[in-house]
Amino acid sequence: IQRVKIEAAKMSLESTRDNVNDAMYKVG
């Protein structure tokens, strides 16, 4: 579960304008 969440956060940080908090909340 943790690795799936972090993988999704990585994609957000790589390809969007999301800041760290945005990416964090998006993955739960």
mmCIF file of all heavy atoms, coordinates in Angstrom:
data_MODEL
# 
_entry.id   MODEL 
# 
loop_
_atom_site.group_PDB 
_atom_site.id 
_atom_site.type_symbol 
_atom_site.label_atom_id 
_atom_site.label_alt_id 
_atom_site.label_comp_id 
_atom_site.label_asym_id 
_atom_site.label_entity_id 
_atom_site.label_seq_id 
_atom_site.pdbx_PDB_ins_code 
_atom_site.Cartn_x 
_atom_site.Cartn_y 
_atom_site.Cartn_z 
_atom_site.occupancy 
_atom_site.B_iso_or_equiv 
_atom_site.pdbx_formal_charge 
_atom_site.auth_seq_id 
_atom_site.auth_comp_id 
_atom_site.auth_asym_id 
_atom_site.auth_atom_id 
_atom_site.pdbx_PDB_model_num 
ATOM 1   N N   . ILE A 1 1  ? 0.844  -1.201 0.000   1.00 0.00 ? 1  ILE A N   1 
ATOM 2   C CA  . ILE A 1 1  ? 0.000  0.000  0.000   1.00 0.00 ? 1  ILE A CA  1 
ATOM 3   C C   . ILE A 1 1  ? 0.879  1.252  0.000   1.00 0.00 ? 1  ILE A C   1 
ATOM 4   O O   . ILE A 1 1  ? 0.642  2.209  -0.751  1.00 0.00 ? 1  ILE A O   1 
ATOM 5   C CB  . ILE A 1 1  ? -0.942 -0.001 1.216   1.00 0.00 ? 1  ILE A CB  1 
ATOM 6   C CG1 . ILE A 1 1  ? -1.962 -1.135 1.091   1.00 0.00 ? 1  ILE A CG1 1 
ATOM 7   C CG2 . ILE A 1 1  ? -1.650 1.349  1.366   1.00 0.00 ? 1  ILE A CG2 1 
ATOM 8   C CD1 . ILE A 1 1  ? -2.796 -1.374 2.352   1.00 0.00 ? 1  ILE A CD1 1 
ATOM 9   N N   . GLN A 1 2  ? 1.894  1.234  0.835   1.00 0.00 ? 2  GLN A N   1 
ATOM 10  C CA  . GLN A 1 2  ? 2.791  2.388  0.924   1.00 0.00 ? 2  GLN A CA  1 
ATOM 11  C C   . GLN A 1 2  ? 3.500  2.648  -0.409  1.00 0.00 ? 2  GLN A C   1 
ATOM 12  O O   . GLN A 1 2  ? 3.587  3.792  -0.869  1.00 0.00 ? 2  GLN A O   1 
ATOM 13  C CB  . GLN A 1 2  ? 3.824  2.140  2.030   1.00 0.00 ? 2  GLN A CB  1 
ATOM 14  C CG  . GLN A 1 2  ? 4.738  3.324  2.306   1.00 0.00 ? 2  GLN A CG  1 
ATOM 15  C CD  . GLN A 1 2  ? 5.752  2.989  3.387   1.00 0.00 ? 2  GLN A CD  1 
ATOM 16  O OE1 . GLN A 1 2  ? 6.597  2.131  3.200   1.00 0.00 ? 2  GLN A OE1 1 
ATOM 17  N NE2 . GLN A 1 2  ? 5.650  3.668  4.518   1.00 0.00 ? 2  GLN A NE2 1 
ATOM 18  N N   . ARG A 1 3  ? 3.982  1.584  -1.044  1.00 0.00 ? 3  ARG A N   1 
ATOM 19  C CA  . ARG A 1 3  ? 4.714  1.752  -2.304  1.00 0.00 ? 3  ARG A CA  1 
ATOM 20  C C   . ARG A 1 3  ? 3.795  2.237  -3.424  1.00 0.00 ? 3  ARG A C   1 
ATOM 21  O O   . ARG A 1 3  ? 4.213  3.044  -4.271  1.00 0.00 ? 3  ARG A O   1 
ATOM 22  C CB  . ARG A 1 3  ? 5.411  0.450  -2.693  1.00 0.00 ? 3  ARG A CB  1 
ATOM 23  C CG  . ARG A 1 3  ? 6.521  0.064  -1.714  1.00 0.00 ? 3  ARG A CG  1 
ATOM 24  C CD  . ARG A 1 3  ? 7.434  -0.986 -2.287  1.00 0.00 ? 3  ARG A CD  1 
ATOM 25  N NE  . ARG A 1 3  ? 8.222  -0.449 -3.394  1.00 0.00 ? 3  ARG A NE  1 
ATOM 26  C CZ  . ARG A 1 3  ? 9.180  -1.127 -4.012  1.00 0.00 ? 3  ARG A CZ  1 
ATOM 27  N NH1 . ARG A 1 3  ? 9.460  -2.365 -3.632  1.00 0.00 ? 3  ARG A NH1 1 
ATOM 28  N NH2 . ARG A 1 3  ? 9.860  -0.587 -5.005  1.00 0.00 ? 3  ARG A NH2 1 
ATOM 29  N N   . VAL A 1 4  ? 2.561  1.764  -3.436  1.00 0.00 ? 4  VAL A N   1 
ATOM 30  C CA  . VAL A 1 4  ? 1.608  2.243  -4.439  1.00 0.00 ? 4  VAL A CA  1 
ATOM 31  C C   . VAL A 1 4  ? 1.328  3.728  -4.241  1.00 0.00 ? 4  VAL A C   1 
ATOM 32  O O   . VAL A 1 4  ? 1.282  4.513  -5.205  1.00 0.00 ? 4  VAL A O   1 
ATOM 33  C CB  . VAL A 1 4  ? 0.301  1.418  -4.381  1.00 0.00 ? 4  VAL A CB  1 
ATOM 34  C CG1 . VAL A 1 4  ? -0.794 2.069  -5.233  1.00 0.00 ? 4  VAL A CG1 1 
ATOM 35  C CG2 . VAL A 1 4  ? 0.553  -0.006 -4.855  1.00 0.00 ? 4  VAL A CG2 1 
ATOM 36  N N   . LYS A 1 5  ? 1.118  4.145  -2.998  1.00 0.00 ? 5  LYS A N   1 
ATOM 37  C CA  . LYS A 1 5  ? 0.871  5.557  -2.702  1.00 0.00 ? 5  LYS A CA  1 
ATOM 38  C C   . LYS A 1 5  ? 2.057  6.430  -3.120  1.00 0.00 ? 5  LYS A C   1 
ATOM 39  O O   . LYS A 1 5  ? 1.885  7.478  -3.758  1.00 0.00 ? 5  LYS A O   1 
ATOM 40  C CB  . LYS A 1 5  ? 0.599  5.746  -1.203  1.00 0.00 ? 5  LYS A CB  1 
ATOM 41  C CG  . LYS A 1 5  ? -0.764 5.276  -0.722  1.00 0.00 ? 5  LYS A CG  1 
ATOM 42  C CD  . LYS A 1 5  ? -0.894 5.450  0.785   1.00 0.00 ? 5  LYS A CD  1 
ATOM 43  C CE  . LYS A 1 5  ? -2.259 5.034  1.303   1.00 0.00 ? 5  LYS A CE  1 
ATOM 44  N NZ  . LYS A 1 5  ? -3.325 5.985  0.920   1.00 0.00 ? 5  LYS A NZ  1 
ATOM 45  N N   . ILE A 1 6  ? 3.252  5.998  -2.762  1.00 0.00 ? 6  ILE A N   1 
ATOM 46  C CA  . ILE A 1 6  ? 4.439  6.798  -3.074  1.00 0.00 ? 6  ILE A CA  1 
ATOM 47  C C   . ILE A 1 6  ? 4.689  6.840  -4.577  1.00 0.00 ? 6  ILE A C   1 
ATOM 48  O O   . ILE A 1 6  ? 5.106  7.871  -5.122  1.00 0.00 ? 6  ILE A O   1 
ATOM 49  C CB  . ILE A 1 6  ? 5.680  6.254  -2.326  1.00 0.00 ? 6  ILE A CB  1 
ATOM 50  C CG1 . ILE A 1 6  ? 5.480  6.388  -0.813  1.00 0.00 ? 6  ILE A CG1 1 
ATOM 51  C CG2 . ILE A 1 6  ? 6.941  6.984  -2.764  1.00 0.00 ? 6  ILE A CG2 1 
ATOM 52  C CD1 . ILE A 1 6  ? 5.215  7.796  -0.316  1.00 0.00 ? 6  ILE A CD1 1 
ATOM 53  N N   . GLU A 1 7  ? 4.390  5.751  -5.280  1.00 0.00 ? 7  GLU A N   1 
ATOM 54  C CA  . GLU A 1 7  ? 4.545  5.759  -6.743  1.00 0.00 ? 7  GLU A CA  1 
ATOM 55  C C   . GLU A 1 7  ? 3.606  6.786  -7.375  1.00 0.00 ? 7  GLU A C   1 
ATOM 56  O O   . GLU A 1 7  ? 3.997  7.514  -8.300  1.00 0.00 ? 7  GLU A O   1 
ATOM 57  C CB  . GLU A 1 7  ? 4.277  4.366  -7.311  1.00 0.00 ? 7  GLU A CB  1 
ATOM 58  C CG  . GLU A 1 7  ? 4.690  4.201  -8.757  1.00 0.00 ? 7  GLU A CG  1 
ATOM 59  C CD  . GLU A 1 7  ? 6.175  4.420  -8.984  1.00 0.00 ? 7  GLU A CD  1 
ATOM 60  O OE1 . GLU A 1 7  ? 6.990  4.044  -8.117  1.00 0.00 ? 7  GLU A OE1 1 
ATOM 61  O OE2 . GLU A 1 7  ? 6.518  4.989  -10.046 1.00 0.00 ? 7  GLU A OE2 1 
ATOM 62  N N   . ALA A 1 8  ? 2.386  6.865  -6.864  1.00 0.00 ? 8  ALA A N   1 
ATOM 63  C CA  . ALA A 1 8  ? 1.434  7.855  -7.369  1.00 0.00 ? 8  ALA A CA  1 
ATOM 64  C C   . ALA A 1 8  ? 1.911  9.273  -7.045  1.00 0.00 ? 8  ALA A C   1 
ATOM 65  O O   . ALA A 1 8  ? 1.789  10.190 -7.873  1.00 0.00 ? 8  ALA A O   1 
ATOM 66  C CB  . ALA A 1 8  ? 0.054  7.606  -6.765  1.00 0.00 ? 8  ALA A CB  1 
ATOM 67  N N   . ALA A 1 9  ? 2.466  9.459  -5.849  1.00 0.00 ? 9  ALA A N   1 
ATOM 68  C CA  . ALA A 1 9  ? 3.000  10.772 -5.477  1.00 0.00 ? 9  ALA A CA  1 
ATOM 69  C C   . ALA A 1 9  ? 4.171  11.159 -6.376  1.00 0.00 ? 9  ALA A C   1 
ATOM 70  O O   . ALA A 1 9  ? 4.302  12.325 -6.780  1.00 0.00 ? 9  ALA A O   1 
ATOM 71  C CB  . ALA A 1 9  ? 3.436  10.759 -4.011  1.00 0.00 ? 9  ALA A CB  1 
ATOM 72  N N   . LYS A 1 10 ? 5.014  10.207 -6.704  1.00 0.00 ? 10 LYS A N   1 
ATOM 73  C CA  . LYS A 1 10 ? 6.140  10.465 -7.616  1.00 0.00 ? 10 LYS A CA  1 
ATOM 74  C C   . LYS A 1 10 ? 5.634  10.974 -8.966  1.00 0.00 ? 10 LYS A C   1 
ATOM 75  O O   . LYS A 1 10 ? 6.161  11.938 -9.529  1.00 0.00 ? 10 LYS A O   1 
ATOM 76  C CB  . LYS A 1 10 ? 6.964  9.191  -7.811  1.00 0.00 ? 10 LYS A CB  1 
ATOM 77  C CG  . LYS A 1 10 ? 7.860  8.822  -6.643  1.00 0.00 ? 10 LYS A CG  1 
ATOM 78  C CD  . LYS A 1 10 ? 8.353  7.397  -6.728  1.00 0.00 ? 10 LYS A CD  1 
ATOM 79  C CE  . LYS A 1 10 ? 9.100  7.114  -8.015  1.00 0.00 ? 10 LYS A CE  1 
ATOM 80  N NZ  . LYS A 1 10 ? 9.525  5.696  -8.101  1.00 0.00 ? 10 LYS A NZ  1 
ATOM 81  N N   . MET A 1 11 ? 4.620  10.307 -9.496  1.00 0.00 ? 11 MET A N   1 
ATOM 82  C CA  . MET A 1 11 ? 4.073  10.716 -10.791 1.00 0.00 ? 11 MET A CA  1 
ATOM 83  C C   . MET A 1 11 ? 3.519  12.142 -10.729 1.00 0.00 ? 11 MET A C   1 
ATOM 84  O O   . MET A 1 11 ? 3.686  12.928 -11.666 1.00 0.00 ? 11 MET A O   1 
ATOM 85  C CB  . MET A 1 11 ? 2.962  9.747  -11.222 1.00 0.00 ? 11 MET A CB  1 
ATOM 86  C CG  . MET A 1 11 ? 3.424  8.320  -11.503 1.00 0.00 ? 11 MET A CG  1 
ATOM 87  S SD  . MET A 1 11 ? 4.703  8.201  -12.789 1.00 0.00 ? 11 MET A SD  1 
ATOM 88  C CE  . MET A 1 11 ? 6.183  8.000  -11.778 1.00 0.00 ? 11 MET A CE  1 
ATOM 89  N N   . SER A 1 12 ? 2.878  12.455 -9.617  1.00 0.00 ? 12 SER A N   1 
ATOM 90  C CA  . SER A 1 12 ? 2.337  13.794 -9.443  1.00 0.00 ? 12 SER A CA  1 
ATOM 91  C C   . SER A 1 12 ? 3.458  14.838 -9.401  1.00 0.00 ? 12 SER A C   1 
ATOM 92  O O   . SER A 1 12 ? 3.381  15.890 -10.045 1.00 0.00 ? 12 SER A O   1 
ATOM 93  C CB  . SER A 1 12 ? 1.510  13.847 -8.152  1.00 0.00 ? 12 SER A CB  1 
ATOM 94  O OG  . SER A 1 12 ? 1.031  15.144 -7.914  1.00 0.00 ? 12 SER A OG  1 
ATOM 95  N N   . LEU A 1 13 ? 4.515  14.540 -8.672  1.00 0.00 ? 13 LEU A N   1 
ATOM 96  C CA  . LEU A 1 13 ? 5.631  15.481 -8.542  1.00 0.00 ? 13 LEU A CA  1 
ATOM 97  C C   . LEU A 1 13 ? 6.420  15.615 -9.841  1.00 0.00 ? 13 LEU A C   1 
ATOM 98  O O   . LEU A 1 13 ? 7.012  16.656 -10.114 1.00 0.00 ? 13 LEU A O   1 
ATOM 99  C CB  . LEU A 1 13 ? 6.559  15.027 -7.410  1.00 0.00 ? 13 LEU A CB  1 
ATOM 100 C CG  . LEU A 1 13 ? 5.959  15.085 -6.003  1.00 0.00 ? 13 LEU A CG  1 
ATOM 101 C CD1 . LEU A 1 13 ? 6.882  14.415 -5.002  1.00 0.00 ? 13 LEU A CD1 1 
ATOM 102 C CD2 . LEU A 1 13 ? 5.690  16.533 -5.594  1.00 0.00 ? 13 LEU A CD2 1 
ATOM 103 N N   . GLU A 1 14 ? 6.414  14.572 -10.650 1.00 0.00 ? 14 GLU A N   1 
ATOM 104 C CA  . GLU A 1 14 ? 7.149  14.600 -11.916 1.00 0.00 ? 14 GLU A CA  1 
ATOM 105 C C   . GLU A 1 14 ? 6.417  15.381 -12.998 1.00 0.00 ? 14 GLU A C   1 
ATOM 106 O O   . GLU A 1 14 ? 7.042  16.090 -13.789 1.00 0.00 ? 14 GLU A O   1 
ATOM 107 C CB  . GLU A 1 14 ? 7.369  13.172 -12.438 1.00 0.00 ? 14 GLU A CB  1 
ATOM 108 C CG  . GLU A 1 14 ? 8.387  12.364 -11.686 1.00 0.00 ? 14 GLU A CG  1 
ATOM 109 C CD  . GLU A 1 14 ? 8.471  10.941 -12.227 1.00 0.00 ? 14 GLU A CD  1 
ATOM 110 O OE1 . GLU A 1 14 ? 8.173  10.740 -13.424 1.00 0.00 ? 14 GLU A OE1 1 
ATOM 111 O OE2 . GLU A 1 14 ? 8.818  10.035 -11.459 1.00 0.00 ? 14 GLU A OE2 1 
ATOM 112 N N   . SER A 1 15 ? 5.096  15.231 -13.056 1.00 0.00 ? 15 SER A N   1 
ATOM 113 C CA  . SER A 1 15 ? 4.386  15.637 -14.272 1.00 0.00 ? 15 SER A CA  1 
ATOM 114 C C   . SER A 1 15 ? 3.333  16.720 -14.091 1.00 0.00 ? 15 SER A C   1 
ATOM 115 O O   . SER A 1 15 ? 2.659  17.086 -15.056 1.00 0.00 ? 15 SER A O   1 
ATOM 116 C CB  . SER A 1 15 ? 3.713  14.403 -14.889 1.00 0.00 ? 15 SER A CB  1 
ATOM 117 O OG  . SER A 1 15 ? 2.828  13.803 -13.964 1.00 0.00 ? 15 SER A OG  1 
ATOM 118 N N   . THR A 1 16 ? 3.144  17.233 -12.879 1.00 0.00 ? 16 THR A N   1 
ATOM 119 C CA  . THR A 1 16 ? 2.139  18.276 -12.654 1.00 0.00 ? 16 THR A CA  1 
ATOM 120 C C   . THR A 1 16 ? 2.777  19.462 -11.943 1.00 0.00 ? 16 THR A C   1 
ATOM 121 O O   . THR A 1 16 ? 3.945  19.430 -11.567 1.00 0.00 ? 16 THR A O   1 
ATOM 122 C CB  . THR A 1 16 ? 0.971  17.749 -11.790 1.00 0.00 ? 16 THR A CB  1 
ATOM 123 O OG1 . THR A 1 16 ? 1.426  17.586 -10.437 1.00 0.00 ? 16 THR A OG1 1 
ATOM 124 C CG2 . THR A 1 16 ? 0.452  16.413 -12.319 1.00 0.00 ? 16 THR A CG2 1 
ATOM 125 N N   . ARG A 1 17 ? 1.968  20.481 -11.738 1.00 0.00 ? 17 ARG A N   1 
ATOM 126 C CA  . ARG A 1 17 ? 2.430  21.655 -10.987 1.00 0.00 ? 17 ARG A CA  1 
ATOM 127 C C   . ARG A 1 17 ? 2.211  21.502 -9.488  1.00 0.00 ? 17 ARG A C   1 
ATOM 128 O O   . ARG A 1 17 ? 2.437  22.424 -8.716  1.00 0.00 ? 17 ARG A O   1 
ATOM 129 C CB  . ARG A 1 17 ? 1.674  22.908 -11.474 1.00 0.00 ? 17 ARG A CB  1 
ATOM 130 C CG  . ARG A 1 17 ? 2.005  23.308 -12.909 1.00 0.00 ? 17 ARG A CG  1 
ATOM 131 C CD  . ARG A 1 17 ? 1.133  24.472 -13.344 1.00 0.00 ? 17 ARG A CD  1 
ATOM 132 N NE  . ARG A 1 17 ? 1.456  24.919 -14.680 1.00 0.00 ? 17 ARG A NE  1 
ATOM 133 C CZ  . ARG A 1 17 ? 2.348  25.874 -14.964 1.00 0.00 ? 17 ARG A CZ  1 
ATOM 134 N NH1 . ARG A 1 17 ? 2.985  26.472 -13.978 1.00 0.00 ? 17 ARG A NH1 1 
ATOM 135 N NH2 . ARG A 1 17 ? 2.585  26.234 -16.206 1.00 0.00 ? 17 ARG A NH2 1 
ATOM 136 N N   . ASP A 1 18 ? 1.779  20.322 -9.063  1.00 0.00 ? 18 ASP A N   1 
ATOM 137 C CA  . ASP A 1 18 ? 1.509  20.089 -7.642  1.00 0.00 ? 18 ASP A CA  1 
ATOM 138 C C   . ASP A 1 18 ? 2.745  20.353 -6.796  1.00 0.00 ? 18 ASP A C   1 
ATOM 139 O O   . ASP A 1 18 ? 3.873  19.972 -7.168  1.00 0.00 ? 18 ASP A O   1 
ATOM 140 C CB  . ASP A 1 18 ? 1.078  18.642 -7.404  1.00 0.00 ? 18 ASP A CB  1 
ATOM 141 C CG  . ASP A 1 18 ? -0.315 18.354 -7.929  1.00 0.00 ? 18 ASP A CG  1 
ATOM 142 O OD1 . ASP A 1 18 ? -1.013 19.308 -8.307  1.00 0.00 ? 18 ASP A OD1 1 
ATOM 143 O OD2 . ASP A 1 18 ? -0.695 17.167 -7.962  1.00 0.00 ? 18 ASP A OD2 1 
ATOM 144 N N   . ASN A 1 19 ? 2.531  20.998 -5.655  1.00 0.00 ? 19 ASN A N   1 
ATOM 145 C CA  . ASN A 1 19 ? 3.626  21.094 -4.690  1.00 0.00 ? 19 ASN A CA  1 
ATOM 146 C C   . ASN A 1 19 ? 3.621  19.828 -3.831  1.00 0.00 ? 19 ASN A C   1 
ATOM 147 O O   . ASN A 1 19 ? 2.785  18.937 -4.027  1.00 0.00 ? 19 ASN A O   1 
ATOM 148 C CB  . ASN A 1 19 ? 3.518  22.371 -3.843  1.00 0.00 ? 19 ASN A CB  1 
ATOM 149 C CG  . ASN A 1 19 ? 2.224  22.443 -3.044  1.00 0.00 ? 19 ASN A CG  1 
ATOM 150 O OD1 . ASN A 1 19 ? 1.696  21.410 -2.600  1.00 0.00 ? 19 ASN A OD1 1 
ATOM 151 N ND2 . ASN A 1 19 ? 1.704  23.654 -2.842  1.00 0.00 ? 19 ASN A ND2 1 
ATOM 152 N N   . VAL A 1 20 ? 4.509  19.750 -2.878  1.00 0.00 ? 20 VAL A N   1 
ATOM 153 C CA  . VAL A 1 20 ? 4.640  18.528 -2.083  1.00 0.00 ? 20 VAL A CA  1 
ATOM 154 C C   . VAL A 1 20 ? 3.365  18.227 -1.308  1.00 0.00 ? 20 VAL A C   1 
ATOM 155 O O   . VAL A 1 20 ? 2.902  17.078 -1.257  1.00 0.00 ? 20 VAL A O   1 
ATOM 156 C CB  . VAL A 1 20 ? 5.849  18.632 -1.136  1.00 0.00 ? 20 VAL A CB  1 
ATOM 157 C CG1 . VAL A 1 20 ? 5.878  17.451 -0.163  1.00 0.00 ? 20 VAL A CG1 1 
ATOM 158 C CG2 . VAL A 1 20 ? 7.151  18.677 -1.939  1.00 0.00 ? 20 VAL A CG2 1 
ATOM 159 N N   . ASN A 1 21 ? 2.753  19.248 -0.712  1.00 0.00 ? 21 ASN A N   1 
ATOM 160 C CA  . ASN A 1 21 ? 1.532  19.010 0.057   1.00 0.00 ? 21 ASN A CA  1 
ATOM 161 C C   . ASN A 1 21 ? 0.388  18.536 -0.828  1.00 0.00 ? 21 ASN A C   1 
ATOM 162 O O   . ASN A 1 21 ? -0.397 17.659 -0.441  1.00 0.00 ? 21 ASN A O   1 
ATOM 163 C CB  . ASN A 1 21 ? 1.114  20.284 0.801   1.00 0.00 ? 21 ASN A CB  1 
ATOM 164 C CG  . ASN A 1 21 ? 1.958  20.515 2.042   1.00 0.00 ? 21 ASN A CG  1 
ATOM 165 O OD1 . ASN A 1 21 ? 2.599  19.589 2.543   1.00 0.00 ? 21 ASN A OD1 1 
ATOM 166 N ND2 . ASN A 1 21 ? 1.961  21.743 2.528   1.00 0.00 ? 21 ASN A ND2 1 
ATOM 167 N N   . ASP A 1 22 ? 0.280  19.112 -2.030  1.00 0.00 ? 22 ASP A N   1 
ATOM 168 C CA  . ASP A 1 22 ? -0.763 18.669 -2.968  1.00 0.00 ? 22 ASP A CA  1 
ATOM 169 C C   . ASP A 1 22 ? -0.609 17.185 -3.271  1.00 0.00 ? 22 ASP A C   1 
ATOM 170 O O   . ASP A 1 22 ? -1.587 16.417 -3.241  1.00 0.00 ? 22 ASP A O   1 
ATOM 171 C CB  . ASP A 1 22 ? -0.667 19.466 -4.275  1.00 0.00 ? 22 ASP A CB  1 
ATOM 172 C CG  . ASP A 1 22 ? -1.043 20.925 -4.102  1.00 0.00 ? 22 ASP A CG  1 
ATOM 173 O OD1 . ASP A 1 22 ? -1.823 21.233 -3.188  1.00 0.00 ? 22 ASP A OD1 1 
ATOM 174 O OD2 . ASP A 1 22 ? -0.537 21.745 -4.898  1.00 0.00 ? 22 ASP A OD2 1 
ATOM 175 N N   . ALA A 1 23 ? 0.630  16.785 -3.593  1.00 0.00 ? 23 ALA A N   1 
ATOM 176 C CA  . ALA A 1 23 ? 0.897  15.378 -3.927  1.00 0.00 ? 23 ALA A CA  1 
ATOM 177 C C   . ALA A 1 23 ? 0.599  14.477 -2.735  1.00 0.00 ? 23 ALA A C   1 
ATOM 178 O O   . ALA A 1 23 ? 0.053  13.378 -2.893  1.00 0.00 ? 23 ALA A O   1 
ATOM 179 C CB  . ALA A 1 23 ? 2.343  15.221 -4.367  1.00 0.00 ? 23 ALA A CB  1 
ATOM 180 N N   . MET A 1 24 ? 0.931  14.946 -1.542  1.00 0.00 ? 24 MET A N   1 
ATOM 181 C CA  . MET A 1 24 ? 0.715  14.171 -0.326  1.00 0.00 ? 24 MET A CA  1 
ATOM 182 C C   . MET A 1 24 ? -0.773 13.902 -0.109  1.00 0.00 ? 24 MET A C   1 
ATOM 183 O O   . MET A 1 24 ? -1.189 12.758 0.113   1.00 0.00 ? 24 MET A O   1 
ATOM 184 C CB  . MET A 1 24 ? 1.286  14.926 0.874   1.00 0.00 ? 24 MET A CB  1 
ATOM 185 C CG  . MET A 1 24 ? 1.024  14.255 2.217   1.00 0.00 ? 24 MET A CG  1 
ATOM 186 S SD  . MET A 1 24 ? 1.559  15.273 3.613   1.00 0.00 ? 24 MET A SD  1 
ATOM 187 C CE  . MET A 1 24 ? 0.270  16.537 3.611   1.00 0.00 ? 24 MET A CE  1 
ATOM 188 N N   . TYR A 1 25 ? -1.591 14.951 -0.197  1.00 0.00 ? 25 TYR A N   1 
ATOM 189 C CA  . TYR A 1 25 ? -3.022 14.778 0.045   1.00 0.00 ? 25 TYR A CA  1 
ATOM 190 C C   . TYR A 1 25 ? -3.682 13.922 -1.026  1.00 0.00 ? 25 TYR A C   1 
ATOM 191 O O   . TYR A 1 25 ? -4.603 13.142 -0.748  1.00 0.00 ? 25 TYR A O   1 
ATOM 192 C CB  . TYR A 1 25 ? -3.709 16.143 0.125   1.00 0.00 ? 25 TYR A CB  1 
ATOM 193 C CG  . TYR A 1 25 ? -3.344 16.935 1.354   1.00 0.00 ? 25 TYR A CG  1 
ATOM 194 C CD1 . TYR A 1 25 ? -2.848 18.231 1.247   1.00 0.00 ? 25 TYR A CD1 1 
ATOM 195 C CD2 . TYR A 1 25 ? -3.481 16.386 2.636   1.00 0.00 ? 25 TYR A CD2 1 
ATOM 196 C CE1 . TYR A 1 25 ? -2.504 18.964 2.380   1.00 0.00 ? 25 TYR A CE1 1 
ATOM 197 C CE2 . TYR A 1 25 ? -3.137 17.104 3.766   1.00 0.00 ? 25 TYR A CE2 1 
ATOM 198 C CZ  . TYR A 1 25 ? -2.638 18.396 3.631   1.00 0.00 ? 25 TYR A CZ  1 
ATOM 199 O OH  . TYR A 1 25 ? -2.296 19.109 4.744   1.00 0.00 ? 25 TYR A OH  1 
ATOM 200 N N   . LYS A 1 26 ? -3.221 14.030 -2.266  1.00 0.00 ? 26 LYS A N   1 
ATOM 201 C CA  . LYS A 1 26 ? -3.801 13.263 -3.365  1.00 0.00 ? 26 LYS A CA  1 
ATOM 202 C C   . LYS A 1 26 ? -3.678 11.756 -3.158  1.00 0.00 ? 26 LYS A C   1 
ATOM 203 O O   . LYS A 1 26 ? -4.525 10.990 -3.610  1.00 0.00 ? 26 LYS A O   1 
ATOM 204 C CB  . LYS A 1 26 ? -3.124 13.645 -4.692  1.00 0.00 ? 26 LYS A CB  1 
ATOM 205 C CG  . LYS A 1 26 ? -3.712 14.849 -5.376  1.00 0.00 ? 26 LYS A CG  1 
ATOM 206 C CD  . LYS A 1 26 ? -3.069 15.031 -6.744  1.00 0.00 ? 26 LYS A CD  1 
ATOM 207 C CE  . LYS A 1 26 ? -3.709 16.192 -7.482  1.00 0.00 ? 26 LYS A CE  1 
ATOM 208 N NZ  . LYS A 1 26 ? -3.095 16.359 -8.837  1.00 0.00 ? 26 LYS A NZ  1 
ATOM 209 N N   . VAL A 1 27 ? -2.618 11.338 -2.487  1.00 0.00 ? 27 VAL A N   1 
ATOM 210 C CA  . VAL A 1 27 ? -2.413 9.897  -2.318  1.00 0.00 ? 27 VAL A CA  1 
ATOM 211 C C   . VAL A 1 27 ? -2.869 9.402  -0.953  1.00 0.00 ? 27 VAL A C   1 
ATOM 212 O O   . VAL A 1 27 ? -2.615 8.252  -0.585  1.00 0.00 ? 27 VAL A O   1 
ATOM 213 C CB  . VAL A 1 27 ? -0.927 9.517  -2.559  1.00 0.00 ? 27 VAL A CB  1 
ATOM 214 C CG1 . VAL A 1 27 ? -0.513 9.897  -3.962  1.00 0.00 ? 27 VAL A CG1 1 
ATOM 215 C CG2 . VAL A 1 27 ? -0.003 10.142 -1.519  1.00 0.00 ? 27 VAL A CG2 1 
ATOM 216 N N   . GLY A 1 28 ? -3.512 10.281 -0.181  1.00 0.00 ? 28 GLY A N   1 
ATOM 217 C CA  . GLY A 1 28 ? -4.134 9.815  1.055   1.00 0.00 ? 28 GLY A CA  1 
ATOM 218 C C   . GLY A 1 28 ? -3.327 9.993  2.319   1.00 0.00 ? 28 GLY A C   1 
ATOM 219 O O   . GLY A 1 28 ? -3.720 9.498  3.381   1.00 0.00 ? 28 GLY A O   1 
# 
